Amino acid sequence: MQELLRKRRLCFRQNVKDPKAALENITRCSALELGKHNIRVNSVNPTVVMTPISSGHWSQPHVAEPFLKQMPLGRWATEDEVAGPIVFLLSDAASMITGIHPPIDGGYTCR
């Protein structure tokens, strides 16, 4: 039974990673292809974003604590904290930035 649960966890992790990797690859390839037309392509990789819908699940101590212990900032992102980098990437201040996919994850990927 333990082996089955371990395999399921690994499968879940891989299923989460595959779409993210695909999005990062699409971002890079699109930036390479569209750059000659002066079109910038970027994406963002946010952590859990606390919204009215997500808070019911992610606010539960048994769900939140294991994740938040691994996050250097120790909290979930807000909608505004994800929107800020997106607004920047869409602005003229980021006119030389293309093909990136910055994590908005409270330092989680630094581990």
Protein backbone atom coordinates (compact mmCIF):
# COMPACT_ATOMS: atom_id res chain seq x y z
CA MET A 1 0.00 0.00 0.00
CA GLN A 2 2.82 2.42 0.90
CA GLU A 3 4.49 1.76 -2.47
CA LEU A 4 1.24 2.52 -4.30
CA LEU A 5 0.85 5.81 -2.41
CA ARG A 6 4.47 6.74 -3.16
CA LYS A 7 3.94 6.06 -6.87
CA ARG A 8 0.76 8.14 -6.86
CA ARG A 9 2.58 11.08 -5.24
CA LEU A 10 5.37 10.84 -7.80
CA CYS A 11 2.84 10.66 -10.61
CA PHE A 12 1.00 13.72 -9.27
CA ARG A 13 4.25 15.69 -9.01
CA GLN A 14 5.19 14.75 -12.56
CA ASN A 15 1.74 15.68 -13.84
CA VAL A 16 2.14 19.13 -12.27
CA LYS A 17 5.66 19.55 -13.66
CA ASP A 18 4.85 18.48 -17.23
CA PRO A 19 2.40 21.32 -18.01
CA LYS A 20 4.75 23.87 -16.40
CA ALA A 21 7.65 22.60 -18.48
CA ALA A 22 5.48 22.74 -21.59
CA LEU A 23 4.44 26.32 -20.84
CA GLU A 24 8.06 27.35 -20.28
CA ASN A 25 9.05 25.72 -23.57
CA ILE A 26 6.18 27.40 -25.45
CA THR A 27 7.21 30.73 -23.91
CA ARG A 28 10.83 30.36 -25.03
CA CYS A 29 10.01 29.06 -28.51
CA SER A 30 7.38 31.74 -29.08
CA ALA A 31 9.79 34.45 -27.96
CA LEU A 32 12.38 33.18 -30.43
CA GLU A 33 9.88 32.98 -33.24
CA LEU A 34 8.01 36.25 -32.63
CA GLY A 35 10.90 38.45 -31.57
CA LYS A 36 11.65 39.40 -35.18
CA HIS A 37 8.16 40.96 -35.27
CA ASN A 38 8.91 42.91 -32.07
CA ILE A 39 6.45 40.75 -30.14
CA ARG A 40 7.50 39.84 -26.60
CA VAL A 41 6.36 36.61 -24.99
CA ASN A 42 6.65 35.96 -21.25
CA SER A 43 4.80 33.86 -18.70
CA VAL A 44 4.74 33.73 -14.91
CA ASN A 45 4.84 30.73 -12.59
CA PRO A 46 2.93 31.62 -9.43
CA THR A 47 2.64 29.58 -6.28
CA VAL A 48 -0.76 29.04 -4.71
CA VAL A 49 -2.67 32.31 -4.93
CA MET A 50 -5.04 32.93 -2.06
CA THR A 51 -8.44 33.74 -3.50
CA PRO A 52 -11.93 33.25 -2.08
CA ILE A 53 -12.14 29.96 -3.98
CA SER A 54 -8.70 28.59 -3.05
CA SER A 55 -8.74 29.69 0.58
CA GLY A 56 -11.17 26.95 1.61
CA HIS A 57 -8.62 24.28 0.77
CA TRP A 58 -5.24 25.97 1.28
CA SER A 59 -6.16 27.57 4.62
CA GLN A 60 -6.56 24.20 6.30
CA PRO A 61 -3.57 23.75 8.66
CA HIS A 62 -2.88 20.15 7.59
CA VAL A 63 -2.69 21.30 3.96
CA ALA A 64 -0.95 24.65 4.38
CA GLU A 65 1.71 23.95 7.01
CA PRO A 66 3.85 21.44 5.07
CA PHE A 67 4.03 23.77 2.06
CA LEU A 68 4.51 27.01 3.96
CA LYS A 69 7.37 25.53 5.99
CA GLN A 70 9.27 25.06 2.72
CA MET A 71 8.58 28.58 1.46
CA PRO A 72 11.12 31.20 2.63
CA LEU A 73 8.48 33.94 2.82
CA GLY A 74 6.14 31.55 4.63
CA ARG A 75 2.87 32.68 3.04
CA TRP A 76 0.76 32.33 -0.06
CA ALA A 77 0.69 34.92 -2.81
CA THR A 78 -2.14 37.39 -3.20
CA GLU A 79 -3.75 38.25 -6.50
CA ASP A 80 -2.03 41.65 -6.47
CA GLU A 81 1.38 40.06 -5.92
CA VAL A 82 0.92 38.03 -9.09
CA ALA A 83 -0.61 40.90 -11.06
CA GLY A 84 2.30 43.27 -10.27
CA PRO A 85 4.98 41.33 -12.19
CA ILE A 86 2.53 40.77 -15.04
CA VAL A 87 1.83 44.51 -15.28
CA PHE A 88 5.58 45.12 -15.30
CA LEU A 89 6.18 42.56 -18.06
CA LEU A 90 3.44 44.20 -20.14
CA SER A 91 4.88 47.68 -19.63
CA ASP A 92 7.43 49.60 -21.69
CA ALA A 93 9.83 49.27 -18.75
CA ALA A 94 10.18 45.60 -19.77
CA SER A 95 10.56 46.29 -23.48
CA MET A 96 13.83 44.31 -23.64
CA ILE A 97 12.51 41.29 -21.73
CA THR A 98 11.20 38.29 -23.62
CA GLY A 99 11.20 34.54 -23.22
CA ILE A 100 11.22 34.47 -19.42
CA HIS A 101 8.99 32.72 -16.93
CA PRO A 102 9.76 34.13 -13.49
CA PRO A 103 8.54 32.26 -10.44
CA ILE A 104 6.26 34.21 -8.13
CA ASP A 105 6.57 31.72 -5.35
CA GLY A 106 7.87 33.34 -2.19
CA GLY A 107 11.28 31.79 -2.74
CA TYR A 108 10.05 28.20 -3.00
CA THR A 109 12.21 27.46 -6.06
CA CYS A 110 15.33 28.69 -4.20
CA ARG A 111 15.33 25.56 -2.08
